């Protein structure tokens, strides 16, 4: 099934399966793929499924839609094409064409700022690194998702609310680090603002993003 993988600065923030004949993309909340950024028009582009073919069409957006670096009005998408909208990159993947993508890099962004990781055991096993860091998770302490835990089984896990405050937790050979990815509101670690420079996480560290408190737990 074809899908779109949305990233910014190399960090994946969401993955969308193309299940409908028409999938809209834009800044407004009613779009199928919402990118909350001022460089993105309210109704920016539409993705259409026609049989086995997938077309991308720009909806007269202010800043344009680019595929592999070239501005397009309507374009037949090929596997591994990269769509650029503002600072965001959207990779088109068509697994029917025999494509494989590193699923350990993806975690979906939920309405509450967090979503549970994909339940596919293959993704979890692929993320295991021999001799790597211990098991870890992010536990949500406040807000609508309070009590939820997100296991850090992926190489990169993004948390927060796109456009407001997003941080990336990266799994490294000897532990986990956190860095600010995007948003006008800087996340905090134990009360101190997080910058784009990675900071090593310790068991019990408290994070706050977009008004949601969470804790880094390592076992």
Protein backbone atom coordinates (compact mmCIF):
# COMPACT_ATOMS: atom_id res chain seq x y z
CA UNK A 1 0.00 0.00 0.00
CA UNK A 2 1.48 3.39 -0.93
CA UNK A 3 2.29 5.77 1.91
CA UNK A 4 3.73 9.21 2.63
CA UNK A 5 6.45 9.69 5.26
CA UNK A 6 6.67 13.28 6.52
CA UNK A 7 9.94 14.57 8.00
CA UNK A 8 11.67 17.81 8.95
CA UNK A 9 15.45 18.17 9.31
CA UNK A 10 15.81 14.40 8.81
CA UNK A 11 13.43 13.50 11.65
CA UNK A 12 10.27 11.61 10.72
CA UNK A 13 7.16 13.12 12.36
CA UNK A 14 4.34 11.13 10.79
CA UNK A 15 3.51 8.33 8.35
CA UNK A 16 0.26 8.28 6.38
CA UNK A 17 -1.11 5.29 4.46
CA UNK A 18 -2.80 6.30 1.21
CA UNK A 19 -6.07 4.40 1.57
CA UNK A 20 -8.43 6.88 -0.10
CA UNK A 21 -8.85 7.89 -3.75
CA UNK A 22 -8.20 11.50 -2.71
CA UNK A 23 -5.90 12.55 0.11
CA UNK A 24 -5.63 16.27 0.88
CA UNK A 25 -2.56 17.97 2.31
CA UNK A 26 -2.35 21.40 3.91
CA UNK A 27 -2.22 23.58 7.04
CA UNK A 28 -5.94 23.49 7.86
CA UNK A 29 -7.00 20.83 10.42
CA UNK A 30 -9.57 19.22 8.09
CA UNK A 31 -6.88 17.96 5.67
CA UNK A 32 -5.97 14.26 5.65
CA UNK A 33 -2.29 15.19 6.07
CA UNK A 34 -2.00 18.27 8.29
CA UNK A 35 1.26 20.24 8.29
CA UNK A 36 0.88 23.10 10.74
CA UNK A 37 3.43 25.52 9.30
CA UNK A 38 3.01 29.01 7.84
CA UNK A 39 4.94 28.00 4.69
CA UNK A 40 2.16 25.52 3.92
CA UNK A 41 -1.10 26.77 2.37
CA UNK A 42 -4.44 25.95 4.00
CA UNK A 43 -5.23 23.59 1.10
CA UNK A 44 -1.79 23.01 -0.40
CA UNK A 45 -1.95 19.87 -2.53
CA UNK A 46 -3.93 16.72 -3.19
CA UNK A 47 -2.81 13.12 -3.77
CA UNK A 48 -5.01 11.04 -6.06
CA UNK A 49 -5.02 7.27 -6.53
CA UNK A 50 -5.92 6.16 -10.04
CA UNK A 51 -5.63 2.41 -10.28
CA UNK A 52 -1.97 1.58 -9.57
CA UNK A 53 -0.86 5.15 -10.23
CA UNK A 54 -0.54 7.94 -7.68
CA UNK A 55 -0.67 11.59 -8.76
CA UNK A 56 0.30 14.68 -6.78
CA UNK A 57 -1.41 17.95 -7.71
CA UNK A 58 -0.57 21.40 -6.36
CA UNK A 59 -3.70 23.43 -5.46
CA UNK A 60 -2.30 26.85 -6.49
CA UNK A 61 -0.39 27.02 -3.21
CA UNK A 62 1.45 30.19 -2.22
CA UNK A 63 4.93 28.62 -1.95
CA UNK A 64 4.54 25.80 -4.45
CA UNK A 65 5.04 22.05 -4.36
CA UNK A 66 8.32 20.43 -5.37
CA UNK A 67 9.12 16.85 -6.38
CA UNK A 68 12.80 15.90 -6.34
CA UNK A 69 13.71 19.58 -6.35
CA UNK A 70 11.48 20.63 -9.28
CA UNK A 71 8.30 22.70 -8.99
CA UNK A 72 5.24 20.74 -10.20
CA UNK A 73 1.55 21.38 -10.88
CA UNK A 74 0.60 17.74 -11.39
CA UNK A 75 3.01 14.85 -11.22
CA UNK A 76 2.86 11.06 -11.43
CA UNK A 77 4.71 9.87 -8.32
CA UNK A 78 7.36 7.17 -8.47
CA UNK A 79 8.60 5.07 -5.57
CA UNK A 80 11.15 7.02 -3.45
CA UNK A 81 10.14 10.43 -4.85
CA UNK A 82 10.70 13.26 -2.37
CA UNK A 83 8.04 15.96 -2.14
CA UNK A 84 9.16 19.28 -0.63
CA UNK A 85 6.73 21.73 0.95
CA UNK A 86 8.42 24.51 2.91
CA UNK A 87 10.98 22.94 5.25
CA UNK A 88 9.11 19.64 5.21
CA UNK A 89 10.05 16.63 3.09
CA UNK A 90 7.54 13.91 2.27
CA UNK A 91 8.89 10.62 0.96
CA UNK A 92 6.54 8.67 -1.30
CA UNK A 93 6.86 4.94 -0.68
CA UNK A 94 5.10 2.28 -2.73
CA UNK A 95 5.72 -1.10 -1.15
CA UNK A 96 4.01 -2.79 -4.09
CA UNK A 97 7.14 -1.90 -6.01
CA UNK A 98 9.14 -4.01 -3.58
CA UNK A 99 10.28 -1.06 -1.49
CA UNK A 100 11.57 -1.45 2.04
CA UNK A 101 11.80 1.45 4.46
CA UNK A 102 13.45 1.51 7.86
CA UNK A 103 10.29 1.30 9.92
CA UNK A 104 12.24 1.74 13.14
CA UNK A 105 12.57 5.45 12.26
CA UNK A 106 8.85 6.23 12.39
CA UNK A 107 6.44 7.07 15.16
CA UNK A 108 3.07 8.61 14.45
CA UNK A 109 2.12 11.93 16.00
CA UNK A 110 -1.23 11.71 17.78
CA UNK A 111 -3.75 14.42 18.64
CA UNK A 112 -2.63 14.42 22.26
CA UNK A 113 0.99 14.85 21.19
CA UNK A 114 1.87 11.18 21.55
CA UNK A 115 0.81 7.94 19.99
CA UNK A 116 1.68 4.38 20.93
CA UNK A 117 4.36 2.83 18.73
CA UNK A 118 3.36 0.52 15.92
CA UNK A 119 2.49 -2.92 17.26
CA UNK A 120 4.32 -4.77 14.48
CA UNK A 121 6.80 -7.11 16.17
CA UNK A 122 9.09 -6.78 13.15
CA UNK A 123 9.56 -3.09 13.88
CA UNK A 124 10.46 -3.76 17.49
CA UNK A 125 12.93 -6.50 16.70
CA UNK A 126 14.53 -4.47 13.95
CA UNK A 127 15.18 -1.70 16.44
CA UNK A 128 17.09 -3.95 18.83
CA UNK A 129 20.79 -3.11 18.85
CA UNK A 130 23.18 -5.76 20.13
CA UNK A 131 24.94 -4.43 23.16
CA UNK A 132 22.95 -1.20 22.93
CA UNK A 133 21.24 0.85 25.63
CA UNK A 134 18.76 -0.62 28.08
CA UNK A 135 15.02 -0.53 27.54
CA UNK A 136 13.51 2.89 27.97
CA UNK A 137 10.15 4.64 27.65
CA UNK A 138 8.48 8.02 27.90
CA UNK A 139 5.66 8.13 30.48
CA UNK A 140 3.04 10.88 30.08
CA UNK A 141 2.25 12.53 33.41
CA UNK A 142 -0.36 15.16 32.45
CA UNK A 143 -2.96 16.00 29.83
CA UNK A 144 -5.38 13.77 27.93
CA UNK A 145 -2.74 11.06 27.45
CA UNK A 146 -1.72 10.87 31.14
CA UNK A 147 -0.61 7.40 32.13
CA UNK A 148 0.36 6.37 28.59
CA UNK A 149 3.84 5.00 28.00
CA UNK A 150 5.69 5.11 24.68
CA UNK A 151 8.48 2.54 24.45
CA UNK A 152 11.63 3.97 22.87
CA UNK A 153 12.28 1.05 20.53
CA UNK A 154 12.95 3.15 17.45
CA UNK A 155 16.17 4.85 16.41
CA UNK A 156 14.43 8.24 16.50
CA UNK A 157 11.20 8.97 18.38
CA UNK A 158 9.56 12.39 18.03
CA UNK A 159 7.30 13.70 20.78
CA UNK A 160 5.27 16.87 21.22
CA UNK A 161 2.91 18.91 19.07
CA UNK A 162 4.00 19.86 15.52
CA UNK A 163 4.19 23.62 15.07
CA UNK A 164 4.26 24.25 18.84
CA UNK A 165 7.03 22.15 20.38
CA UNK A 166 8.61 18.97 19.01
CA UNK A 167 11.60 17.12 20.46
CA UNK A 168 13.44 14.10 19.12
CA UNK A 169 14.76 11.31 21.33
CA UNK A 170 17.56 9.42 19.58
CA UNK A 171 18.74 5.96 20.55
CA UNK A 172 22.54 5.84 20.55
CA UNK A 173 24.89 2.92 21.27
CA UNK A 174 25.39 3.95 24.90
CA UNK A 175 22.14 5.67 25.79
CA UNK A 176 19.46 8.16 24.73
CA UNK A 177 19.71 11.86 23.88
CA UNK A 178 17.02 14.52 23.40
CA UNK A 179 17.06 17.64 21.19
CA UNK A 180 14.61 20.38 20.16
CA UNK A 181 13.44 19.84 16.55
CA UNK A 182 10.84 22.53 15.80
CA UNK A 183 8.25 24.85 17.28
CA UNK A 184 8.25 28.31 18.82
CA UNK A 185 7.88 26.94 22.34
CA UNK A 186 11.07 25.28 23.55
CA UNK A 187 10.66 21.98 25.42
CA UNK A 188 12.27 21.77 28.86
CA UNK A 189 14.32 19.08 30.58
CA UNK A 190 14.12 19.23 34.39
CA UNK A 191 12.96 22.86 34.00
CA UNK A 192 15.77 23.96 31.66
CA UNK A 193 15.07 24.77 27.96
CA UNK A 194 16.23 22.18 25.41
CA UNK A 195 18.20 23.44 22.40
CA UNK A 196 19.01 21.76 19.09
CA UNK A 197 22.16 20.39 20.76
CA UNK A 198 21.51 16.79 21.95
CA UNK A 199 21.38 16.29 25.74
CA UNK A 200 21.92 12.89 27.37
CA UNK A 201 18.85 11.56 29.20
CA UNK A 202 19.00 9.97 32.65
CA UNK A 203 16.44 7.76 34.36
CA UNK A 204 13.72 9.88 35.96
CA UNK A 205 14.37 13.03 33.88
CA UNK A 206 11.27 15.23 33.51
CA UNK A 207 10.34 16.65 30.10
CA UNK A 208 7.68 19.24 29.29
CA UNK A 209 6.43 19.91 25.75
CA UNK A 210 3.50 22.13 24.76
CA UNK A 211 2.18 22.02 28.32
CA UNK A 212 2.40 18.23 28.61
CA UNK A 213 4.63 16.76 31.29
CA UNK A 214 6.36 13.42 30.77
CA UNK A 215 9.12 11.37 32.33
CA UNK A 216 12.03 9.42 30.83
CA UNK A 217 12.09 5.95 32.40
CA UNK A 218 14.94 3.50 31.87
CA UNK A 219 14.99 -0.10 33.08
